[in-house]
PDB file of N, CA and C in Angstrom:
ATOM      1  N   MET A   1      41.713 207.114 228.971  1.00  0.00           N
ATOM      2  CA  MET A   1      42.444 208.272 228.311  1.00  0.00           C
ATOM      3  C   MET A   1      43.537 208.525 229.143  1.00  0.00           C
ATOM      4  N   ILE A   2      44.839 208.664 228.767  1.00  0.00           N
ATOM      5  CA  ILE A   2      45.921 209.304 229.454  1.00  0.00           C
ATOM      6  C   ILE A   2      45.802 210.802 229.623  1.00  0.00           C
ATOM      7  N   ASN A   3      45.845 211.588 230.504  1.00  0.00           N
ATOM      8  CA  ASN A   3      45.727 212.603 230.847  1.00  0.00           C
ATOM      9  C   ASN A   3      47.340 213.222 230.573  1.00  0.00           C
ATOM     10  N   PRO A   4      47.764 213.954 229.480  1.00  0.00           N
ATOM     11  CA  PRO A   4      49.089 214.285 229.348  1.00  0.00           C
ATOM     12  C   PRO A   4      49.826 214.989 230.269  1.00  0.00           C
ATOM     13  N   GLN A   5      49.160 215.770 231.149  1.00  0.00           N
ATOM     14  CA  GLN A   5      49.633 216.443 232.168  1.00  0.00           C
ATOM     15  C   GLN A   5      49.772 215.559 233.620  1.00  0.00           C
ATOM     16  N   GLU A   6      49.184 214.257 233.564  1.00  0.00           N
ATOM     17  CA  GLU A   6      49.100 213.639 234.633  1.00  0.00           C
ATOM     18  C   GLU A   6      50.455 212.692 234.675  1.00  0.00           C
ATOM     19  N   ASN A   7      51.219 212.620 235.530  1.00  0.00           N
ATOM     20  CA  ASN A   7      52.502 211.601 235.571  1.00  0.00           C
ATOM     21  C   ASN A   7      52.469 210.504 236.635  1.00  0.00           C
ATOM     22  N   ILE A   8      53.496 209.713 236.550  1.00  0.00           N
ATOM     23  CA  ILE A   8      53.317 208.505 237.859  1.00  0.00           C
ATOM     24  C   ILE A   8      53.115 208.978 238.885  1.00  0.00           C
ATOM     25  N   GLY A   9      53.907 209.899 239.290  1.00  0.00           N
ATOM     26  CA  GLY A   9      53.977 210.751 240.813  1.00  0.00           C
ATOM     27  C   GLY A   9      52.343 211.138 241.116  1.00  0.00           C
ATOM     28  N   ASP A  10      51.640 211.740 240.117  1.00  0.00           N
ATOM     29  CA  ASP A  10      50.276 212.121 240.377  1.00  0.00           C
ATOM     30  C   ASP A  10      49.394 210.915 240.637  1.00  0.00           C
ATOM     31  N   ARG A  11      49.458 209.850 239.821  1.00  0.00           N
ATOM     32  CA  ARG A  11      49.126 208.360 239.859  1.00  0.00           C
ATOM     33  C   ARG A  11      49.147 208.110 241.373  1.00  0.00           C
ATOM     34  N   ILE A  12      50.206 207.864 241.605  1.00  0.00           N
ATOM     35  CA  ILE A  12      50.706 207.559 243.116  1.00  0.00           C
ATOM     36  C   ILE A  12      49.890 208.307 244.268  1.00  0.00           C
ATOM     37  N   LYS A  13      49.971 209.537 244.023  1.00  0.00           N
ATOM     38  CA  LYS A  13      49.326 210.380 245.035  1.00  0.00           C
ATOM     39  C   LYS A  13      47.950 210.187 245.012  1.00  0.00           C
ATOM     40  N   ALA A  14      47.210 210.239 243.941  1.00  0.00           N
ATOM     41  CA  ALA A  14      45.890 210.032 243.794  1.00  0.00           C
ATOM     42  C   ALA A  14      45.398 208.652 244.458  1.00  0.00           C
ATOM     43  N   ALA A  15      46.114 207.435 244.116  1.00  0.00           N
ATOM     44  CA  ALA A  15      45.839 206.162 244.536  1.00  0.00           C
ATOM     45  C   ALA A  15      46.136 205.956 246.144  1.00  0.00           C
ATOM     46  N   ARG A  16      47.150 206.790 246.396  1.00  0.00           N
ATOM     47  CA  ARG A  16      47.369 206.889 248.290  1.00  0.00           C
ATOM     48  C   ARG A  16      46.192 207.666 248.717  1.00  0.00           C
ATOM     49  N   GLU A  17      45.829 208.674 248.329  1.00  0.00           N
ATOM     50  CA  GLU A  17      44.704 209.477 248.960  1.00  0.00           C
ATOM     51  C   GLU A  17      43.377 208.511 248.981  1.00  0.00           C
ATOM     52  N   LYS A  18      43.110 207.916 247.850  1.00  0.00           N
ATOM     53  CA  LYS A  18      41.874 207.397 247.732  1.00  0.00           C
ATOM     54  C   LYS A  18      41.884 206.079 248.632  1.00  0.00           C
ATOM     55  N   ALA A  19      43.274 205.653 248.801  1.00  0.00           N
ATOM     56  CA  ALA A  19      43.197 204.397 249.915  1.00  0.00           C
ATOM     57  C   ALA A  19      43.178 205.133 251.344  1.00  0.00           C
ATOM     58  N   GLY A  20      43.226 206.324 251.521  1.00  0.00           N
ATOM     59  CA  GLY A  20      43.079 206.676 252.926  1.00  0.00           C
ATOM     60  C   GLY A  20      44.513 206.640 253.440  1.00  0.00           C
ATOM     61  N   MET A  21      45.472 206.827 252.880  1.00  0.00           N
ATOM     62  CA  MET A  21      47.076 206.594 253.523  1.00  0.00           C
ATOM     63  C   MET A  21      47.708 207.834 253.425  1.00  0.00           C
ATOM     64  N   THR A  22      48.531 207.927 254.512  1.00  0.00           N
ATOM     65  CA  THR A  22      49.207 209.206 254.450  1.00  0.00           C
ATOM     66  C   THR A  22      50.642 208.753 253.807  1.00  0.00           C
ATOM     67  N   GLN A  23      51.255 209.829 253.490  1.00  0.00           N
ATOM     68  CA  GLN A  23      52.607 209.714 252.977  1.00  0.00           C
ATOM     69  C   GLN A  23      53.700 208.749 253.793  1.00  0.00           C
ATOM     70  N   SER A  24      53.518 209.287 255.251  1.00  0.00           N
ATOM     71  CA  SER A  24      54.055 208.670 256.392  1.00  0.00           C
ATOM     72  C   SER A  24      53.747 207.143 256.396  1.00  0.00           C
ATOM     73  N   GLU A  25      52.740 206.861 256.348  1.00  0.00           N
ATOM     74  CA  GLU A  25      52.071 205.249 256.520  1.00  0.00           C
ATOM     75  C   GLU A  25      52.679 204.536 255.381  1.00  0.00           C
ATOM     76  N   LEU A  26      52.660 205.035 254.088  1.00  0.00           N
ATOM     77  CA  LEU A  26      52.987 204.384 252.877  1.00  0.00           C
ATOM     78  C   LEU A  26      54.530 204.189 253.026  1.00  0.00           C
ATOM     79  N   ALA A  27      55.301 205.326 253.368  1.00  0.00           N
ATOM     80  CA  ALA A  27      56.550 205.235 253.420  1.00  0.00           C
ATOM     81  C   ALA A  27      57.247 204.079 254.416  1.00  0.00           C
ATOM     82  N   LYS A  28      56.571 204.168 255.680  1.00  0.00           N
ATOM     83  CA  LYS A  28      56.746 203.074 256.770  1.00  0.00           C
ATOM     84  C   LYS A  28      56.436 201.616 256.089  1.00  0.00           C
ATOM     85  N   LEU A  29      55.306 201.476 255.387  1.00  0.00           N
ATOM     86  CA  LEU A  29      55.098 200.087 254.859  1.00  0.00           C
ATOM     87  C   LEU A  29      56.184 199.638 253.757  1.00  0.00           C
ATOM     88  N   LEU A  30      56.957 200.559 253.242  1.00  0.00           N
ATOM     89  CA  LEU A  30      57.871 200.374 252.163  1.00  0.00           C
ATOM     90  C   LEU A  30      59.130 200.240 252.825  1.00  0.00           C
ATOM     91  N   GLY A  31      59.480 200.431 253.976  1.00  0.00           N
ATOM     92  CA  GLY A  31      60.605 200.428 254.632  1.00  0.00           C
ATOM     93  C   GLY A  31      61.483 201.799 254.834  1.00  0.00           C
ATOM     94  N   TYR A  32      60.898 202.777 254.130  1.00  0.00           N
ATOM     95  CA  TYR A  32      61.472 204.279 254.394  1.00  0.00           C
ATOM     96  C   TYR A  32      61.696 204.729 255.893  1.00  0.00           C
ATOM     97  N   THR A  33      62.575 205.117 256.004  1.00  0.00           N
ATOM     98  CA  THR A  33      62.553 205.837 257.374  1.00  0.00           C
ATOM     99  C   THR A  33      61.674 207.143 257.582  1.00  0.00           C
ATOM    100  N   SER A  34      61.680 207.886 256.415  1.00  0.00           N
ATOM    101  CA  SER A  34      60.656 209.175 256.560  1.00  0.00           C
ATOM    102  C   SER A  34      59.931 209.390 255.475  1.00  0.00           C
ATOM    103  N   PRO A  35      58.726 210.175 255.322  1.00  0.00           N
ATOM    104  CA  PRO A  35      58.056 210.266 254.237  1.00  0.00           C
ATOM    105  C   PRO A  35      58.427 211.192 253.190  1.00  0.00           C
ATOM    106  N   THR A  36      59.702 211.522 253.272  1.00  0.00           N
ATOM    107  CA  THR A  36      60.309 212.697 252.374  1.00  0.00           C
ATOM    108  C   THR A  36      60.525 211.589 250.916  1.00  0.00           C
ATOM    109  N   ALA A  37      60.689 210.494 251.093  1.00  0.00           N
ATOM    110  CA  ALA A  37      60.837 209.782 249.779  1.00  0.00           C
ATOM    111  C   ALA A  37      59.658 209.504 249.132  1.00  0.00           C
ATOM    112  N   ILE A  38      58.390 209.408 249.604  1.00  0.00           N
ATOM    113  CA  ILE A  38      57.169 209.466 249.038  1.00  0.00           C
ATOM    114  C   ILE A  38      56.882 210.912 248.493  1.00  0.00           C
ATOM    115  N   SER A  39      57.344 211.661 249.316  1.00  0.00           N
ATOM    116  CA  SER A  39      56.989 213.146 248.938  1.00  0.00           C
ATOM    117  C   SER A  39      57.495 213.395 247.497  1.00  0.00           C
ATOM    118  N   LEU A  40      58.879 213.023 247.378  1.00  0.00           N
ATOM    119  CA  LEU A  40      59.721 213.234 246.135  1.00  0.00           C
ATOM    120  C   LEU A  40      59.096 212.368 245.245  1.00  0.00           C
ATOM    121  N   ILE A  41      58.701 211.417 245.248  1.00  0.00           N
ATOM    122  CA  ILE A  41      58.212 210.442 244.251  1.00  0.00           C
ATOM    123  C   ILE A  41      57.082 211.075 243.767  1.00  0.00           C
ATOM    124  N   GLU A  42      56.128 211.436 244.569  1.00  0.00           N
ATOM    125  CA  GLU A  42      54.781 211.968 244.179  1.00  0.00           C
ATOM    126  C   GLU A  42      55.108 213.418 243.443  1.00  0.00           C
ATOM    127  N   ALA A  43      56.098 214.068 243.572  1.00  0.00           N
ATOM    128  CA  ALA A  43      56.317 215.347 243.008  1.00  0.00           C
ATOM    129  C   ALA A  43      57.291 214.965 241.704  1.00  0.00           C
ATOM    130  N   ASN A  44      57.593 213.923 241.383  1.00  0.00           N
ATOM    131  CA  ASN A  44      58.293 213.388 240.402  1.00  0.00           C
ATOM    132  C   ASN A  44      59.818 214.109 240.307  1.00  0.00           C
ATOM    133  N   GLU A  45      60.181 214.129 241.626  1.00  0.00           N
ATOM    134  CA  GLU A  45      61.628 214.481 241.898  1.00  0.00           C
ATOM    135  C   GLU A  45      62.620 213.393 242.315  1.00  0.00           C
ATOM    136  N   ARG A  46      61.910 212.525 242.243  1.00  0.00           N
ATOM    137  CA  ARG A  46      62.825 210.959 242.721  1.00  0.00           C
ATOM    138  C   ARG A  46      62.335 209.887 241.718  1.00  0.00           C
ATOM    139  N   GLY A  47      63.238 209.326 241.123  1.00  0.00           N
ATOM    140  CA  GLY A  47      62.858 208.306 240.501  1.00  0.00           C
ATOM    141  C   GLY A  47      62.216 206.717 241.274  1.00  0.00           C
ATOM    142  N   ILE A  48      61.641 206.067 240.549  1.00  0.00           N
ATOM    143  CA  ILE A  48      61.317 204.895 241.190  1.00  0.00           C
ATOM    144  C   ILE A  48      61.492 203.472 240.625  1.00  0.00           C
ATOM    145  N   LYS A  49      61.947 202.621 241.428  1.00  0.00           N
ATOM    146  CA  LYS A  49      62.200 201.350 240.766  1.00  0.00           C
ATOM    147  C   LYS A  49      60.980 200.471 240.691  1.00  0.00           C
ATOM    148  N   VAL A  50      61.215 199.637 239.633  1.00  0.00           N
ATOM    149  CA  VAL A  50      59.915 198.690 239.047  1.00  0.00           C
ATOM    150  C   VAL A  50      59.380 198.109 240.188  1.00  0.00           C
ATOM    151  N   ASP A  51      60.496 197.361 241.197  1.00  0.00           N
ATOM    152  CA  ASP A  51      59.952 196.521 242.374  1.00  0.00           C
ATOM    153  C   ASP A  51      59.344 197.328 243.356  1.00  0.00           C
ATOM    154  N   THR A  52      59.639 198.601 243.724  1.00  0.00           N
ATOM    155  CA  THR A  52      58.923 199.459 244.526  1.00  0.00           C
ATOM    156  C   THR A  52      57.690 199.931 244.019  1.00  0.00           C
ATOM    157  N   LEU A  53      57.618 200.291 242.524  1.00  0.00           N
ATOM    158  CA  LEU A  53      56.223 200.598 242.208  1.00  0.00           C
ATOM    159  C   LEU A  53      55.325 199.390 242.260  1.00  0.00           C
ATOM    160  N   LYS A  54      55.597 198.342 242.027  1.00  0.00           N
ATOM    161  CA  LYS A  54      54.913 196.987 242.173  1.00  0.00           C
ATOM    162  C   LYS A  54      54.415 196.808 243.593  1.00  0.00           C
ATOM    163  N   LYS A  55      55.308 197.325 244.406  1.00  0.00           N
ATOM    164  CA  LYS A  55      54.906 197.151 245.797  1.00  0.00           C
ATOM    165  C   LYS A  55      53.954 198.135 246.207  1.00  0.00           C
ATOM    166  N   ILE A  56      53.975 199.359 245.796  1.00  0.00           N
ATOM    167  CA  ILE A  56      53.183 200.690 245.966  1.00  0.00           C
ATOM    168  C   ILE A  56      51.667 200.126 245.322  1.00  0.00           C
ATOM    169  N   ALA A  57      51.818 199.512 244.258  1.00  0.00           N
ATOM    170  CA  ALA A  57      50.414 199.456 243.625  1.00  0.00           C
ATOM    171  C   ALA A  57      49.780 198.146 244.451  1.00  0.00           C
ATOM    172  N   GLU A  58      50.492 197.083 245.006  1.00  0.00           N
ATOM    173  CA  GLU A  58      49.888 196.259 245.868  1.00  0.00           C
ATOM    174  C   GLU A  58      49.507 196.777 247.121  1.00  0.00           C
ATOM    175  N   LEU A  59      50.191 197.832 247.665  1.00  0.00           N
ATOM    176  CA  LEU A  59      49.674 198.265 248.866  1.00  0.00           C
ATOM    177  C   LEU A  59      48.623 199.223 248.874  1.00  0.00           C
ATOM    178  N   LEU A  60      48.422 199.790 247.593  1.00  0.00           N
ATOM    179  CA  LEU A  60      47.228 200.673 247.583  1.00  0.00           C
ATOM    180  C   LEU A  60      46.195 199.922 246.516  1.00  0.00           C
ATOM    181  N   HIS A  61      46.363 198.901 246.439  1.00  0.00           N
ATOM    182  CA  HIS A  61      45.201 198.019 245.670  1.00  0.00           C
ATOM    183  C   HIS A  61      44.986 198.611 244.382  1.00  0.00           C
ATOM    184  N   GLN A  62      45.944 198.999 243.695  1.00  0.00           N
ATOM    185  CA  GLN A  62      45.872 199.367 242.317  1.00  0.00           C
ATOM    186  C   GLN A  62      46.483 198.686 241.120  1.00  0.00           C
ATOM    187  N   ASN A  63      46.318 198.707 240.083  1.00  0.00           N
ATOM    188  CA  ASN A  63      47.112 197.995 238.858  1.00  0.00           C
ATOM    189  C   ASN A  63      48.353 198.708 238.794  1.00  0.00           C
ATOM    190  N   TYR A  64      49.242 197.718 238.724  1.00  0.00           N
ATOM    191  CA  TYR A  64      50.731 198.201 238.396  1.00  0.00           C
ATOM    192  C   TYR A  64      50.926 198.977 237.151  1.00  0.00           C
ATOM    193  N   GLN A  65      50.427 198.300 236.252  1.00  0.00           N
ATOM    194  CA  GLN A  65      50.252 198.802 234.688  1.00  0.00           C
ATOM    195  C   GLN A  65      49.719 200.190 234.739  1.00  0.00           C
ATOM    196  N   TYR A  66      48.616 200.583 235.365  1.00  0.00           N
ATOM    197  CA  TYR A  66      47.970 201.857 235.324  1.00  0.00           C
ATOM    198  C   TYR A  66      48.941 202.870 235.983  1.00  0.00           C
ATOM    199  N   LEU A  67      49.556 202.389 237.459  1.00  0.00           N
ATOM    200  CA  LEU A  67      50.336 203.327 238.033  1.00  0.00           C
ATOM    201  C   LEU A  67      51.624 203.846 237.091  1.00  0.00           C
ATOM    202  N   ALA A  68      52.028 202.769 236.288  1.00  0.00           N
ATOM    203  CA  ALA A  68      53.313 202.909 235.756  1.00  0.00           C
ATOM    204  C   ALA A  68      52.916 203.628 234.248  1.00  0.00           C
ATOM    205  N   THR A  69      51.769 203.607 233.807  1.00  0.00           N
ATOM    206  CA  THR A  69      51.674 204.336 232.480  1.00  0.00           C
ATOM    207  C   THR A  69      50.531 205.056 232.262  1.00  0.00           C
ATOM    208  N   GLY A  70      49.364 205.086 233.324  1.00  0.00           N
ATOM    209  CA  GLY A  70      48.262 205.815 233.214  1.00  0.00           C
ATOM    210  C   GLY A  70      47.133 204.968 232.210  1.00  0.00           C
ATOM    211  N   ASN A  71      47.318 203.624 231.886  1.00  0.00           N
ATOM    212  CA  ASN A  71      46.722 203.029 231.222  1.00  0.00           C
ATOM    213  C   ASN A  71      46.007 201.913 231.591  1.00  0.00           C
ATOM    214  N   ASN A  72      44.592 201.760 231.554  1.00  0.00           N
ATOM    215  CA  ASN A  72      44.119 200.715 232.099  1.00  0.00           C
ATOM    216  C   ASN A  72      43.668 199.699 231.495  1.00  0.00           C
ATOM    217  N   SER A  73      44.300 199.501 230.099  1.00  0.00           N
ATOM    218  CA  SER A  73      43.698 198.591 228.934  1.00  0.00           C
ATOM    219  C   SER A  73      44.281 197.090 229.463  1.00  0.00           C
ATOM    220  N   ASN A  74      45.505 196.943 230.116  1.00  0.00           N
ATOM    221  CA  ASN A  74      46.120 195.688 230.440  1.00  0.00           C
ATOM    222  C   ASN A  74      45.646 195.351 231.676  1.00  0.00           C
ATOM    223  N   VAL A  75      44.194 195.558 232.366  1.00  0.00           N
ATOM    224  CA  VAL A  75      44.055 195.129 233.699  1.00  0.00           C
ATOM    225  C   VAL A  75      44.087 193.850 233.814  1.00  0.00           C
ATOM    226  N   THR A  76      44.975 193.398 234.911  1.00  0.00           N
ATOM    227  CA  THR A  76      45.092 191.976 235.228  1.00  0.00           C
ATOM    228  C   THR A  76      43.760 191.243 235.884  1.00  0.00           C
ATOM    229  N   THR A  77      43.571 190.181 235.254  1.00  0.00           N
ATOM    230  CA  THR A  77      42.227 189.469 235.560  1.00  0.00           C
ATOM    231  C   THR A  77      42.614 188.829 236.961  1.00  0.00           C
ATOM    232  N   VAL A  78      41.447 188.410 237.539  1.00  0.00           N
ATOM    233  CA  VAL A  78      41.757 187.382 238.701  1.00  0.00           C
ATOM    234  C   VAL A  78      42.539 186.071 238.242  1.00  0.00           C
ATOM    235  N   LYS A  79      42.312 185.446 237.351  1.00  0.00           N
ATOM    236  CA  LYS A  79      43.001 184.410 236.937  1.00  0.00           C
ATOM    237  C   LYS A  79      44.391 184.756 236.876  1.00  0.00           C
ATOM    238  N   THR A  80      44.789 185.832 236.025  1.00  0.00           N
ATOM    239  CA  THR A  80      46.077 185.889 235.982  1.00  0.00           C
ATOM    240  C   THR A  80      46.925 186.276 237.248  1.00  0.00           C
ATOM    241  N   ALA A  81      46.129 187.128 238.029  1.00  0.00           N
ATOM    242  CA  ALA A  81      46.833 187.475 239.268  1.00  0.00           C
ATOM    243  C   ALA A  81      47.030 186.190 240.402  1.00  0.00           C
ATOM    244  N   LEU A  82      46.116 185.216 240.055  1.00  0.00           N
ATOM    245  CA  LEU A  82      46.390 183.914 240.814  1.00  0.00           C
ATOM    246  C   LEU A  82      47.609 183.172 240.360  1.00  0.00           C
ATOM    247  N   ARG A  83      47.675 182.988 239.057  1.00  0.00           N
ATOM    248  CA  ARG A  83      48.719 182.375 238.338  1.00  0.00           C
ATOM    249  C   ARG A  83      49.957 182.888 238.807  1.00  0.00           C
ATOM    250  N   ALA A  84      50.294 184.229 238.876  1.00  0.00           N
ATOM    251  CA  ALA A  84      51.415 185.022 239.324  1.00  0.00           C
ATOM    252  C   ALA A  84      51.718 185.022 240.773  1.00  0.00           C
ATOM    253  N   ASP A  85      50.962 184.626 241.529  1.00  0.00           N
ATOM    254  CA  ASP A  85      51.119 184.390 243.020  1.00  0.00           C
ATOM    255  C   ASP A  85      51.836 183.195 243.338  1.00  0.00           C
ATOM    256  N   GLY A  86      52.935 183.231 244.011  1.00  0.00           N
ATOM    257  CA  GLY A  86      53.975 182.200 244.354  1.00  0.00           C
ATOM    258  C   GLY A  86      53.142 181.523 245.324  1.00  0.00           C
ATOM    259  N   THR A  87      52.391 181.796 246.168  1.00  0.00           N
ATOM    260  CA  THR A  87      51.758 181.022 247.431  1.00  0.00           C
ATOM    261  C   THR A  87      50.701 180.113 246.886  1.00  0.00           C
ATOM    262  N   PHE A  88      50.129 180.194 245.751  1.00  0.00           N
ATOM    263  CA  PHE A  88      49.032 178.928 245.240  1.00  0.00           C
ATOM    264  C   PHE A  88      49.932 178.233 244.624  1.00  0.00           C
ATOM    265  N   ASP A  89      49.710 176.718 245.044  1.00  0.00           N
ATOM    266  CA  ASP A  89      50.071 175.780 244.135  1.00  0.00           C
ATOM    267  C   ASP A  89      49.281 175.772 242.827  1.00  0.00           C
ATOM    268  N   LYS A  90      49.607 174.680 241.988  1.00  0.00           N
ATOM    269  CA  LYS A  90      48.705 174.417 240.665  1.00  0.00           C
ATOM    270  C   LYS A  90      47.396 174.225 240.975  1.00  0.00           C
ATOM    271  N   ASN A  91      47.281 173.052 242.083  1.00  0.00           N
ATOM    272  CA  ASN A  91      46.011 172.673 242.572  1.00  0.00           C
ATOM    273  C   ASN A  91      44.975 173.877 243.197  1.00  0.00           C
ATOM    274  N   ASP A  92      45.582 174.593 243.801  1.00  0.00           N
ATOM    275  CA  ASP A  92      45.105 175.756 244.466  1.00  0.00           C
ATOM    276  C   ASP A  92      44.035 176.569 243.373  1.00  0.00           C
ATOM    277  N   VAL A  93      45.327 177.029 242.338  1.00  0.00           N
ATOM    278  CA  VAL A  93      44.552 177.778 241.342  1.00  0.00           C
ATOM    279  C   VAL A  93      43.677 177.229 240.460  1.00  0.00           C
ATOM    280  N   GLU A  94      43.719 175.941 240.266  1.00  0.00           N
ATOM    281  CA  GLU A  94      42.714 175.284 239.307  1.00  0.00           C
ATOM    282  C   GLU A  94      41.489 175.173 240.424  1.00  0.00           C
ATOM    283  N   LYS A  95      41.409 175.215 241.426  1.00  0.00           N
ATOM    284  CA  LYS A  95      40.319 175.109 242.481  1.00  0.00           C
ATOM    285  C   LYS A  95      39.499 176.368 242.284  1.00  0.00           C
ATOM    286  N   ILE A  96      40.417 177.500 242.249  1.00  0.00           N
ATOM    287  CA  ILE A  96      39.653 178.701 242.456  1.00  0.00           C
ATOM    288  C   ILE A  96      39.292 179.139 240.986  1.00  0.00           C
ATOM    289  N   GLU A  97      40.100 178.894 240.071  1.00  0.00           N
ATOM    290  CA  GLU A  97      39.632 179.093 238.478  1.00  0.00           C
ATOM    291  C   GLU A  97      38.342 178.389 238.477  1.00  0.00           C
ATOM    292  N   SER A  98      37.993 177.204 238.705  1.00  0.00           N
ATOM    293  CA  SER A  98      36.976 176.485 238.813  1.00  0.00           C
ATOM    294  C   SER A  98      35.716 177.160 239.459  1.00  0.00           C
ATOM    295  N   PHE A  99      36.009 177.821 240.704  1.00  0.00           N
ATOM    296  CA  PHE A  99      34.949 178.512 241.429  1.00  0.00           C
ATOM    297  C   PHE A  99      34.519 179.473 240.619  1.00  0.00           C
ATOM    298  N   ILE A 100      35.488 180.245 240.188  1.00  0.00           N
ATOM    299  CA  ILE A 100      35.321 181.543 239.288  1.00  0.00           C
ATOM    300  C   ILE A 100      34.585 181.245 238.195  1.00  0.00           C
ATOM    301  N   ASP A 101      34.870 180.179 237.446  1.00  0.00           N
ATOM    302  CA  ASP A 101      33.988 179.940 236.139  1.00  0.00           C
ATOM    303  C   ASP A 101      32.561 179.292 236.552  1.00  0.00           C
ATOM    304  N   PHE A 102      32.222 178.668 237.877  1.00  0.00           N
ATOM    305  CA  PHE A 102      31.136 178.282 238.193  1.00  0.00           C
ATOM    306  C   PHE A 102      30.097 179.644 238.565  1.00  0.00           C
ATOM    307  N   LEU A 103      30.721 180.431 239.234  1.00  0.00           N
ATOM    308  CA  LEU A 103      30.083 181.836 239.591  1.00  0.00           C
ATOM    309  C   LEU A 103      29.738 182.573 238.167  1.00  0.00           C
ATOM    310  N   ILE A 104      30.586 182.686 237.349  1.00  0.00           N
ATOM    311  CA  ILE A 104      30.317 183.090 235.831  1.00  0.00           C
ATOM    312  C   ILE A 104      29.151 182.496 235.364  1.00  0.00           C
ATOM    313  N   SER A 105      29.223 181.175 235.382  1.00  0.00           N
ATOM    314  CA  SER A 105      28.131 180.557 234.598  1.00  0.00           C
ATOM    315  C   SER A 105      26.677 180.756 235.323  1.00  0.00           C
ATOM    316  N   GLN A 106      26.982 180.829 236.564  1.00  0.00           N
ATOM    317  CA  GLN A 106      25.608 181.393 237.067  1.00  0.00           C
ATOM    318  C   GLN A 106      25.047 182.405 236.934  1.00  0.00           C
ATOM    319  N   LYS A 107      25.762 183.637 236.673  1.00  0.00           N
ATOM    320  CA  LYS A 107      25.614 184.851 236.275  1.00  0.00           C
ATOM    321  C   LYS A 107      25.161 184.798 234.821  1.00  0.00           C
ATOM    322  N   LYS A 108      25.525 183.866 234.041  1.00  0.00           N
ATOM    323  CA  LYS A 108      25.015 183.848 232.751  1.00  0.00           C
ATOM    324  C   LYS A 108      23.595 183.004 232.415  1.00  0.00           C
ATOM    325  N   GLY A 109      23.312 182.426 233.407  1.00  0.00           N
ATOM    326  CA  GLY A 109      22.267 181.454 233.894  1.00  0.00           C
ATOM    327  C   GLY A 109      22.385 180.240 233.201  1.00  0.00           C
ATOM    328  N   ASP A 110      23.732 179.617 233.275  1.00  0.00           N
ATOM    329  CA  ASP A 110      23.916 178.383 232.520  1.00  0.00           C
ATOM    330  C   ASP A 110      23.962 177.291 233.859  1.00  0.00           C
ATOM    331  N   HIS A 111      22.707 176.990 234.001  1.00  0.00           N
ATOM    332  CA  HIS A 111      22.477 175.860 235.042  1.00  0.00           C
ATOM    333  C   HIS A 111      22.449 174.620 234.390  1.00  0.00           C
ATOM    334  N   GLY A 112      23.017 174.226 233.482  1.00  0.00           N
ATOM    335  CA  GLY A 112      22.868 172.782 232.738  1.00  0.00           C
ATOM    336  C   GLY A 112      24.042 171.805 233.510  1.00  0.00           C
ATOM    337  N   ASN A 113      25.026 172.421 234.459  1.00  0.00           N
ATOM    338  CA  ASN A 113      26.047 171.585 234.804  1.00  0.00           C
ATOM    339  C   ASN A 113      25.679 170.963 236.150  1.00  0.00           C
ATOM    340  N   GLY A 114      24.309 171.202 236.387  1.00  0.00           N
ATOM    341  CA  GLY A 114      23.782 170.312 237.902  1.00  0.00           C
ATOM    342  C   GLY A 114      24.179 171.248 239.116  1.00  0.00           C
ATOM    343  N   ARG A 115      24.775 172.405 238.787  1.00  0.00           N
ATOM    344  CA  ARG A 115      25.224 173.022 240.138  1.00  0.00           C
ATOM    345  C   ARG A 115      24.366 174.270 239.989  1.00  0.00           C
ATOM    346  N   GLY A 116      23.067 174.387 239.339  1.00  0.00           N
ATOM    347  CA  GLY A 116      22.306 175.626 239.361  1.00  0.00           C
ATOM    348  C   GLY A 116      21.755 176.031 240.706  1.00  0.00           C
ATOM    349  N   THR A 117      21.412 177.257 240.796  1.00  0.00           N
ATOM    350  CA  THR A 117      20.987 177.821 241.980  1.00  0.00           C
ATOM    351  C   THR A 117      19.329 177.159 242.168  1.00  0.00           C
ATOM    352  N   GLN A 118      19.191 176.878 243.328  1.00  0.00           N
ATOM    353  CA  GLN A 118      17.921 176.072 243.737  1.00  0.00           C
ATOM    354  C   GLN A 118      16.733 177.118 244.004  1.00  0.00           C
ATOM    355  N   GLU A 119      15.578 176.861 243.308  1.00  0.00           N
ATOM    356  CA  GLU A 119      14.223 177.562 243.391  1.00  0.00           C
ATOM    357  C   GLU A 119      14.137 177.838 244.823  1.00  0.00           C
ATOM    358  N   LYS A 120      13.733 179.027 244.920  1.00  0.00           N
ATOM    359  CA  LYS A 120      13.057 179.335 246.548  1.00  0.00           C
ATOM    360  C   LYS A 120      11.552 179.084 246.535  1.00  0.00           C
ATOM    361  N   SER A 121      11.318 178.597 247.685  1.00  0.00           N
ATOM    362  CA  SER A 121       9.681 178.135 247.782  1.00  0.00           C
ATOM    363  C   SER A 121       8.801 179.191 248.484  1.00  0.00           C
TER     364      SER A 121
END
């Protein structure tokens, strides 16, 4: 549920503090020369570009959609994130997705694919 009193600056500040990062550290990682920009963003006295918000979300290990809206309903899955990452080619993504599917099947107890866990002796 979105807190009507909470805004994007509050969410960024909470995420930054949760990550144990200072305003100065975040500012430096974003290429700002001083922490004032972060202070103004967190105080909702300065706007923020979408690209900058996405970078902040990445640096703070947060969902971009959550920081932007306060809504976690569109949380990106690992598979979606992999497809969006330009450093992986199609073959890499398919291998990683296959491994994820394998792990899920193991958790569900689906051992019919011949790759089930071995019994401990």
